[in-house]
C-alpha atoms as a PDB file:
ATOM      1  CA  UNK A   1      51.362  43.000 -60.496  1.00  0.00           C
ATOM      2  CA  UNK A   2      47.854  42.154 -60.909  1.00  0.00           C
ATOM      3  CA  UNK A   3      48.447  38.833 -60.198  1.00  0.00           C
ATOM      4  CA  UNK A   4      49.823  39.315 -56.968  1.00  0.00           C
ATOM      5  CA  UNK A   5      46.876  41.619 -55.954  1.00  0.00           C
ATOM      6  CA  UNK A   6      44.275  38.662 -56.813  1.00  0.00           C
ATOM      7  CA  UNK A   7      46.337  36.379 -54.675  1.00  0.00           C
ATOM      8  CA  UNK A   8      46.180  38.770 -51.927  1.00  0.00           C
ATOM      9  CA  UNK A   9      42.506  39.521 -52.203  1.00  0.00           C
ATOM     10  CA  UNK A  10      41.962  35.797 -52.132  1.00  0.00           C
ATOM     11  CA  UNK A  11      44.146  35.507 -49.019  1.00  0.00           C
ATOM     12  CA  UNK A  12      42.210  38.109 -47.359  1.00  0.00           C
ATOM     13  CA  UNK A  13      39.113  36.550 -48.037  1.00  0.00           C
ATOM     14  CA  UNK A  14      40.383  33.212 -46.706  1.00  0.00           C
ATOM     15  CA  UNK A  15      42.101  34.722 -43.889  1.00  0.00           C
ATOM     16  CA  UNK A  16      37.935  36.733 -42.881  1.00  0.00           C
ATOM     17  CA  UNK A  17      36.640  33.146 -43.313  1.00  0.00           C
ATOM     18  CA  UNK A  18      38.736  31.357 -41.068  1.00  0.00           C
ATOM     19  CA  UNK A  19      38.554  33.776 -38.586  1.00  0.00           C
ATOM     20  CA  UNK A  20      34.899  33.660 -38.991  1.00  0.00           C
ATOM     21  CA  UNK A  21      35.217  29.930 -38.341  1.00  0.00           C
ATOM     22  CA  UNK A  22      37.655  30.165 -35.202  1.00  0.00           C
ATOM     23  CA  UNK A  23      34.884  32.217 -33.568  1.00  0.00           C
ATOM     24  CA  UNK A  24      32.489  29.876 -34.480  1.00  0.00           C
ATOM     25  CA  UNK A  25      34.246  27.274 -32.933  1.00  0.00           C
ATOM     26  CA  UNK A  26      35.324  29.164 -29.868  1.00  0.00           C
ATOM     27  CA  UNK A  27      31.182  29.923 -29.504  1.00  0.00           C
ATOM     28  CA  UNK A  28      30.218  26.432 -29.791  1.00  0.00           C
ATOM     29  CA  UNK A  29      32.727  25.346 -27.347  1.00  0.00           C
ATOM     30  CA  UNK A  30      32.073  27.840 -24.759  1.00  0.00           C
ATOM     31  CA  UNK A  31      28.406  26.865 -24.906  1.00  0.00           C
ATOM     32  CA  UNK A  32      29.042  23.444 -24.726  1.00  0.00           C
ATOM     33  CA  UNK A  33      30.946  24.184 -21.244  1.00  0.00           C
ATOM     34  CA  UNK A  34      28.024  26.651 -20.238  1.00  0.00           C
ATOM     35  CA  UNK A  35      25.577  23.914 -20.886  1.00  0.00           C
ATOM     36  CA  UNK A  36      27.502  21.253 -18.702  1.00  0.00           C
ATOM     37  CA  UNK A  37      28.389  23.929 -15.918  1.00  0.00           C
ATOM     38  CA  UNK A  38      24.141  24.108 -15.875  1.00  0.00           C
ATOM     39  CA  UNK A  39      23.979  20.650 -15.305  1.00  0.00           C
ATOM     40  CA  UNK A  40      26.290  20.221 -12.792  1.00  0.00           C
ATOM     41  CA  UNK A  41      24.930  23.319 -10.934  1.00  0.00           C
ATOM     42  CA  UNK A  42      21.219  21.774 -11.244  1.00  0.00           C
ATOM     43  CA  UNK A  43      22.621  18.696  -9.564  1.00  0.00           C
ATOM     44  CA  UNK A  44      24.800  20.364  -7.031  1.00  0.00           C
ATOM     45  CA  UNK A  45      21.475  22.335  -5.700  1.00  0.00           C
ATOM     46  CA  UNK A  46      19.264  19.258  -5.590  1.00  0.00           C
ATOM     47  CA  UNK A  47      22.197  17.681  -3.331  1.00  0.00           C
ATOM     48  CA  UNK A  48      21.857  21.127  -1.357  1.00  0.00           C
ATOM     49  CA  UNK A  49      18.253  21.068  -0.655  1.00  0.00           C
ATOM     50  CA  UNK A  50      18.283  17.178   0.222  1.00  0.00           C
ATOM     51  CA  UNK A  51      20.956  17.924   2.696  1.00  0.00           C
ATOM     52  CA  UNK A  52      19.230  21.184   3.930  1.00  0.00           C
ATOM     53  CA  UNK A  53      16.073  19.088   4.508  1.00  0.00           C
ATOM     54  CA  UNK A  54      18.294  16.138   6.345  1.00  0.00           C
ATOM     55  CA  UNK A  55      19.753  18.548   8.535  1.00  0.00           C
ATOM     56  CA  UNK A  56      16.592  20.372   9.144  1.00  0.00           C
ATOM     57  CA  UNK A  57      15.173  17.885  10.738  1.00  0.00           C
ATOM     58  CA  UNK A  58      15.663  17.816  14.515  1.00  0.00           C
ATOM     59  CA  UNK A  59      18.080  14.912  16.165  1.00  0.00           C
ATOM     60  CA  UNK A  60      16.068  12.430  18.383  1.00  0.00           C
ATOM     61  CA  UNK A  61      16.065  13.111  22.048  1.00  0.00           C
ATOM     62  CA  UNK A  62      17.493  11.195  24.486  1.00  0.00           C
ATOM     63  CA  UNK A  63      14.165  10.313  25.656  1.00  0.00           C
ATOM     64  CA  UNK A  64      12.957   8.877  22.274  1.00  0.00           C
ATOM     65  CA  UNK A  65      16.023   6.910  21.463  1.00  0.00           C
ATOM     66  CA  UNK A  66      15.671   5.341  25.055  1.00  0.00           C
ATOM     67  CA  UNK A  67      12.066   4.347  23.844  1.00  0.00           C
ATOM     68  CA  UNK A  68      13.495   3.315  20.688  1.00  0.00           C
ATOM     69  CA  UNK A  69      16.075   1.057  22.059  1.00  0.00           C
ATOM     70  CA  UNK A  70      13.440  -0.425  24.771  1.00  0.00           C
ATOM     71  CA  UNK A  71      11.107  -1.136  22.163  1.00  0.00           C
ATOM     72  CA  UNK A  72      14.033  -3.219  20.005  1.00  0.00           C
ATOM     73  CA  UNK A  73      14.644  -5.163  23.105  1.00  0.00           C
ATOM     74  CA  UNK A  74      11.143  -5.598  23.906  1.00  0.00           C
ATOM     75  CA  UNK A  75      10.678  -7.385  20.691  1.00  0.00           C
ATOM     76  CA  UNK A  76      13.731  -9.461  20.998  1.00  0.00           C
ATOM     77  CA  UNK A  77      12.437 -10.721  24.224  1.00  0.00           C
ATOM     78  CA  UNK A  78      12.867 -14.264  24.773  1.00  0.00           C
ATOM     79  CA  UNK A  79       9.534 -16.319  24.087  1.00  0.00           C
ATOM     80  CA  UNK A  80       7.983 -19.452  23.580  1.00  0.00           C
ATOM     81  CA  UNK A  81       6.554 -21.005  20.495  1.00  0.00           C
ATOM     82  CA  UNK A  82       3.038 -20.302  21.284  1.00  0.00           C
ATOM     83  CA  UNK A  83       4.259 -16.714  22.592  1.00  0.00           C
ATOM     84  CA  UNK A  84       5.151 -16.462  18.657  1.00  0.00           C
ATOM     85  CA  UNK A  85       1.960 -17.924  17.360  1.00  0.00           C
ATOM     86  CA  UNK A  86      -0.295 -15.801  19.257  1.00  0.00           C
ATOM     87  CA  UNK A  87       1.537 -12.481  18.103  1.00  0.00           C
ATOM     88  CA  UNK A  88       0.636 -13.678  14.532  1.00  0.00           C
ATOM     89  CA  UNK A  89      -2.705 -14.270  15.151  1.00  0.00           C
ATOM     90  CA  UNK A  90      -3.051 -11.237  17.162  1.00  0.00           C
ATOM     91  CA  UNK A  91      -1.690  -9.018  13.976  1.00  0.00           C
ATOM     92  CA  UNK A  92      -4.265 -11.203  11.667  1.00  0.00           C
ATOM     93  CA  UNK A  93      -6.936 -10.064  14.296  1.00  0.00           C
ATOM     94  CA  UNK A  94      -6.139  -6.691  14.340  1.00  0.00           C
ATOM     95  CA  UNK A  95      -6.050  -6.519  10.511  1.00  0.00           C
ATOM     96  CA  UNK A  96      -9.615  -7.862  10.189  1.00  0.00           C
ATOM     97  CA  UNK A  97      -9.011 -11.523   9.552  1.00  0.00           C
ATOM     98  CA  UNK A  98     -11.243 -14.263  10.879  1.00  0.00           C
ATOM     99  CA  UNK A  99      -8.945 -16.074  13.325  1.00  0.00           C
ATOM    100  CA  UNK A 100     -11.755 -18.715  14.429  1.00  0.00           C
ATOM    101  CA  UNK A 101     -10.184 -21.910  14.227  1.00  0.00           C
ATOM    102  CA  UNK A 102     -13.277 -23.412  12.714  1.00  0.00           C
ATOM    103  CA  UNK A 103     -13.173 -21.449   9.649  1.00  0.00           C
ATOM    104  CA  UNK A 104      -9.778 -21.998   8.462  1.00  0.00           C
ATOM    105  CA  UNK A 105      -9.323 -18.363   7.609  1.00  0.00           C
ATOM    106  CA  UNK A 106      -5.952 -18.427   9.356  1.00  0.00           C
ATOM    107  CA  UNK A 107      -3.583 -21.473   9.491  1.00  0.00           C
ATOM    108  CA  UNK A 108      -0.298 -21.327  11.370  1.00  0.00           C
ATOM    109  CA  UNK A 109       1.761 -24.257  11.283  1.00  0.00           C
ATOM    110  CA  UNK A 110       3.947 -25.487  14.312  1.00  0.00           C
ATOM    111  CA  UNK A 111       7.482 -23.451  14.002  1.00  0.00           C
ATOM    112  CA  UNK A 112      10.776 -24.767  13.234  1.00  0.00           C
ATOM    113  CA  UNK A 113      13.181 -23.596  16.095  1.00  0.00           C
ATOM    114  CA  UNK A 114      17.029 -22.674  15.333  1.00  0.00           C
ATOM    115  CA  UNK A 115      19.379 -20.508  16.466  1.00  0.00           C
ATOM    116  CA  UNK A 116      21.307 -17.635  14.199  1.00  0.00           C
ATOM    117  CA  UNK A 117      24.316 -15.495  14.659  1.00  0.00           C
ATOM    118  CA  UNK A 118      23.742 -11.748  13.482  1.00  0.00           C
ATOM    119  CA  UNK A 119      26.734  -9.789  13.929  1.00  0.00           C
ATOM    120  CA  UNK A 120      28.164 -10.220  17.419  1.00  0.00           C
ATOM    121  CA  UNK A 121      24.734 -11.706  18.938  1.00  0.00           C
ATOM    122  CA  UNK A 122      23.185 -15.519  18.791  1.00  0.00           C
ATOM    123  CA  UNK A 123      19.273 -15.156  18.322  1.00  0.00           C
ATOM    124  CA  UNK A 124      16.549 -17.563  18.489  1.00  0.00           C
ATOM    125  CA  UNK A 125      14.537 -17.995  15.464  1.00  0.00           C
ATOM    126  CA  UNK A 126      10.976 -19.315  15.126  1.00  0.00           C
ATOM    127  CA  UNK A 127      10.705 -20.173  11.418  1.00  0.00           C
ATOM    128  CA  UNK A 128       7.092 -20.463  10.190  1.00  0.00           C
ATOM    129  CA  UNK A 129       6.667 -22.026   6.893  1.00  0.00           C
ATOM    130  CA  UNK A 130       3.432 -21.980   4.730  1.00  0.00           C
ATOM    131  CA  UNK A 131       1.290 -19.647   6.702  1.00  0.00           C
ATOM    132  CA  UNK A 132      -2.440 -19.654   5.057  1.00  0.00           C
ATOM    133  CA  UNK A 133      -4.537 -16.782   5.428  1.00  0.00           C
ATOM    134  CA  UNK A 134      -7.634 -16.011   3.551  1.00  0.00           C
ATOM    135  CA  UNK A 135     -10.196 -13.159   3.746  1.00  0.00           C
ATOM    136  CA  UNK A 136     -11.007  -9.864   1.888  1.00  0.00           C
ATOM    137  CA  UNK A 137      -8.539  -8.556  -0.071  1.00  0.00           C
ATOM    138  CA  UNK A 138      -7.964  -5.452   1.745  1.00  0.00           C
ATOM    139  CA  UNK A 139      -7.685  -7.283   5.350  1.00  0.00           C
ATOM    140  CA  UNK A 140      -5.167  -9.804   3.770  1.00  0.00           C
ATOM    141  CA  UNK A 141      -3.250  -6.819   2.064  1.00  0.00           C
ATOM    142  CA  UNK A 142      -3.188  -4.950   5.812  1.00  0.00           C
ATOM    143  CA  UNK A 143      -1.936  -8.177   7.438  1.00  0.00           C
ATOM    144  CA  UNK A 144       1.034  -8.928   4.901  1.00  0.00           C
ATOM    145  CA  UNK A 145       2.096  -5.197   5.285  1.00  0.00           C
ATOM    146  CA  UNK A 146       2.023  -5.403   8.942  1.00  0.00           C
ATOM    147  CA  UNK A 147       4.569  -8.584   9.106  1.00  0.00           C
ATOM    148  CA  UNK A 148       6.651  -6.921   6.518  1.00  0.00           C
ATOM    149  CA  UNK A 149       7.036  -3.305   7.752  1.00  0.00           C
ATOM    150  CA  UNK A 150       7.540  -4.671  11.314  1.00  0.00           C
ATOM    151  CA  UNK A 151       4.736  -2.364  12.760  1.00  0.00           C
ATOM    152  CA  UNK A 152       3.344  -4.784  15.271  1.00  0.00           C
ATOM    153  CA  UNK A 153       6.545  -6.968  15.820  1.00  0.00           C
ATOM    154  CA  UNK A 154       9.874  -5.145  14.545  1.00  0.00           C
ATOM    155  CA  UNK A 155      12.023  -8.456  14.763  1.00  0.00           C
ATOM    156  CA  UNK A 156       9.415 -10.162  12.575  1.00  0.00           C
ATOM    157  CA  UNK A 157      10.982 -10.627   9.076  1.00  0.00           C
ATOM    158  CA  UNK A 158       8.820 -11.730   6.126  1.00  0.00           C
ATOM    159  CA  UNK A 159      10.707 -14.036   3.616  1.00  0.00           C
ATOM    160  CA  UNK A 160       8.272 -15.277   1.358  1.00  0.00           C
ATOM    161  CA  UNK A 161       4.817 -14.509   0.378  1.00  0.00           C
ATOM    162  CA  UNK A 162       2.566 -15.602  -2.466  1.00  0.00           C
ATOM    163  CA  UNK A 163      -0.886 -14.341  -2.780  1.00  0.00           C
ATOM    164  CA  UNK A 164      -4.348 -14.996  -5.327  1.00  0.00           C
ATOM    165  CA  UNK A 165      -7.413 -13.176  -5.738  1.00  0.00           C
ATOM    166  CA  UNK A 166     -10.584 -15.224  -5.582  1.00  0.00           C
ATOM    167  CA  UNK A 167     -14.151 -13.532  -6.699  1.00  0.00           C
ATOM    168  CA  UNK A 168     -16.569 -14.809  -4.302  1.00  0.00           C
ATOM    169  CA  UNK A 169     -20.181 -15.090  -5.241  1.00  0.00           C
ATOM    170  CA  UNK A 170     -22.393 -13.790  -2.019  1.00  0.00           C
ATOM    171  CA  UNK A 171     -26.162 -13.251  -1.951  1.00  0.00           C
ATOM    172  CA  UNK A 172     -27.789  -9.934  -1.448  1.00  0.00           C
ATOM    173  CA  UNK A 173     -31.196  -9.779  -0.217  1.00  0.00           C
ATOM    174  CA  UNK A 174     -33.004  -6.658  -0.843  1.00  0.00           C
ATOM    175  CA  UNK A 175     -36.525  -6.260  -0.169  1.00  0.00           C
ATOM    176  CA  UNK A 176     -38.403  -4.551  -2.935  1.00  0.00           C
ATOM    177  CA  UNK A 177     -40.820  -1.539  -2.422  1.00  0.00           C
ATOM    178  CA  UNK A 178     -44.440  -3.311  -1.885  1.00  0.00           C
ATOM    179  CA  UNK A 179     -46.822  -3.090  -4.910  1.00  0.00           C
ATOM    180  CA  UNK A 180     -48.617   0.427  -5.060  1.00  0.00           C
ATOM    181  CA  UNK A 181     -51.580   0.176  -3.107  1.00  0.00           C
ATOM    182  CA  UNK A 182     -54.566   0.384  -5.679  1.00  0.00           C
ATOM    183  CA  UNK A 183     -57.323   3.291  -4.953  1.00  0.00           C
ATOM    184  CA  UNK A 184     -59.985   1.640  -2.546  1.00  0.00           C
ATOM    185  CA  UNK A 185     -63.686   1.960  -3.900  1.00  0.00           C
ATOM    186  CA  UNK A 186     -65.328   5.109  -2.520  1.00  0.00           C
ATOM    187  CA  UNK A 187     -67.949   4.971  -0.088  1.00  0.00           C
ATOM    188  CA  UNK A 188     -71.324   5.528  -1.985  1.00  0.00           C
ATOM    189  CA  UNK A 189     -73.203   8.272  -0.636  1.00  0.00           C
ATOM    190  CA  UNK A 190     -75.978   7.158   1.745  1.00  0.00           C
ATOM    191  CA  UNK A 191     -73.560   3.910   3.257  1.00  0.00           C
ATOM    192  CA  UNK A 192     -72.043   4.390   6.484  1.00  0.00           C
ATOM    193  CA  UNK A 193     -68.910   2.664   7.811  1.00  0.00           C
ATOM    194  CA  UNK A 194     -69.933  -0.129  10.248  1.00  0.00           C
ATOM    195  CA  UNK A 195     -68.671  -0.276  14.075  1.00  0.00           C
ATOM    196  CA  UNK A 196     -65.454  -1.452  14.416  1.00  0.00           C
ATOM    197  CA  UNK A 197     -64.490  -1.103  10.427  1.00  0.00           C
ATOM    198  CA  UNK A 198     -62.616   2.244   9.627  1.00  0.00           C
ATOM    199  CA  UNK A 199     -62.616   3.297   6.042  1.00  0.00           C
ATOM    200  CA  UNK A 200     -59.635   2.964   4.549  1.00  0.00           C
ATOM    201  CA  UNK A 201     -58.695   5.391   1.767  1.00  0.00           C
ATOM    202  CA  UNK A 202     -56.988   2.177  -0.322  1.00  0.00           C
ATOM    203  CA  UNK A 203     -56.439  -1.471   0.470  1.00  0.00           C
ATOM    204  CA  UNK A 204     -53.327  -1.897   2.428  1.00  0.00           C
ATOM    205  CA  UNK A 205     -49.980  -1.754   1.029  1.00  0.00           C
ATOM    206  CA  UNK A 206     -48.597  -5.551   0.739  1.00  0.00           C
ATOM    207  CA  UNK A 207     -45.416  -6.503   2.437  1.00  0.00           C
ATOM    208  CA  UNK A 208     -42.630  -6.403  -0.425  1.00  0.00           C
ATOM    209  CA  UNK A 209     -41.047  -9.669  -1.048  1.00  0.00           C
ATOM    210  CA  UNK A 210     -37.286 -10.379  -0.806  1.00  0.00           C
ATOM    211  CA  UNK A 211     -35.543 -10.773  -3.676  1.00  0.00           C
ATOM    212  CA  UNK A 212     -32.264 -12.852  -3.662  1.00  0.00           C
ATOM    213  CA  UNK A 213     -29.361 -11.494  -5.976  1.00  0.00           C
ATOM    214  CA  UNK A 214     -25.817 -12.902  -6.694  1.00  0.00           C
ATOM    215  CA  UNK A 215     -23.337 -10.308  -5.809  1.00  0.00           C
ATOM    216  CA  UNK A 216     -19.536 -10.785  -5.984  1.00  0.00           C
ATOM    217  CA  UNK A 217     -16.679  -9.743  -3.305  1.00  0.00           C
ATOM    218  CA  UNK A 218     -12.991  -9.798  -3.821  1.00  0.00           C
ATOM    219  CA  UNK A 219     -10.896 -12.082  -1.423  1.00  0.00           C
ATOM    220  CA  UNK A 220      -7.620 -13.151  -1.260  1.00  0.00           C
ATOM    221  CA  UNK A 221      -5.786 -15.929  -0.233  1.00  0.00           C
ATOM    222  CA  UNK A 222      -1.944 -15.912   0.807  1.00  0.00           C
ATOM    223  CA  UNK A 223       0.870 -18.142   1.827  1.00  0.00           C
ATOM    224  CA  UNK A 224       3.841 -16.664   3.822  1.00  0.00           C
ATOM    225  CA  UNK A 225       7.229 -17.735   5.258  1.00  0.00           C
ATOM    226  CA  UNK A 226       7.796 -15.632   8.541  1.00  0.00           C
ATOM    227  CA  UNK A 227      11.093 -15.619  10.748  1.00  0.00           C
ATOM    228  CA  UNK A 228      10.929 -14.241  14.418  1.00  0.00           C
ATOM    229  CA  UNK A 229      13.755 -13.089  16.019  1.00  0.00           C
ATOM    230  CA  UNK A 230      14.076 -13.349  19.514  1.00  0.00           C
ATOM    231  CA  UNK A 231      16.856 -13.301  22.275  1.00  0.00           C
ATOM    232  CA  UNK A 232      18.209 -16.647  23.940  1.00  0.00           C
END
């Protein structure tokens, strides 16, 4: 009998431990499921916020759509190679690039002309290879950004660009302050200033000499390939 009681006590202890372990497993499992649901809920909230932002944006009016349609048609309007070069030169001028032919800061080679089919339409393409541009770094970047974004000409496609920074030495002239005027000799008592001569308090300040300092400016040199699409 004593042995049976001991076995029963051990079974009870083991049963309690098994029950506690079972409860722990269930608790961990529910915790893991809750954690996953929290992540999914967060993702859903972010998606809903993005969708709400899109839905909240007002739809374009007929006038705005027509204006955009007209702009696209205008950018695809038929043109000559000279017109295409003039557009590129105009963008460079707007960006601050020196377009004077003598400066060689902008070199636009002749375009290769071809036809290309896009979707159901066939277009004339002016392909410019190795356009060279040089100038202040910010101006060159503005020129490249305009071509790439199509800000001025939507039918312009920037196909390739290489850019190098150049440190250019420049002379900076600064006028140094004139030498301090030395105190003039005080007129001794009894002496009077002669007519036509003014008694100055000190010697006149000498004009400052110009000193030339060497500074640096960051320029950029870029080479680009550009395609311009137009209607036939």
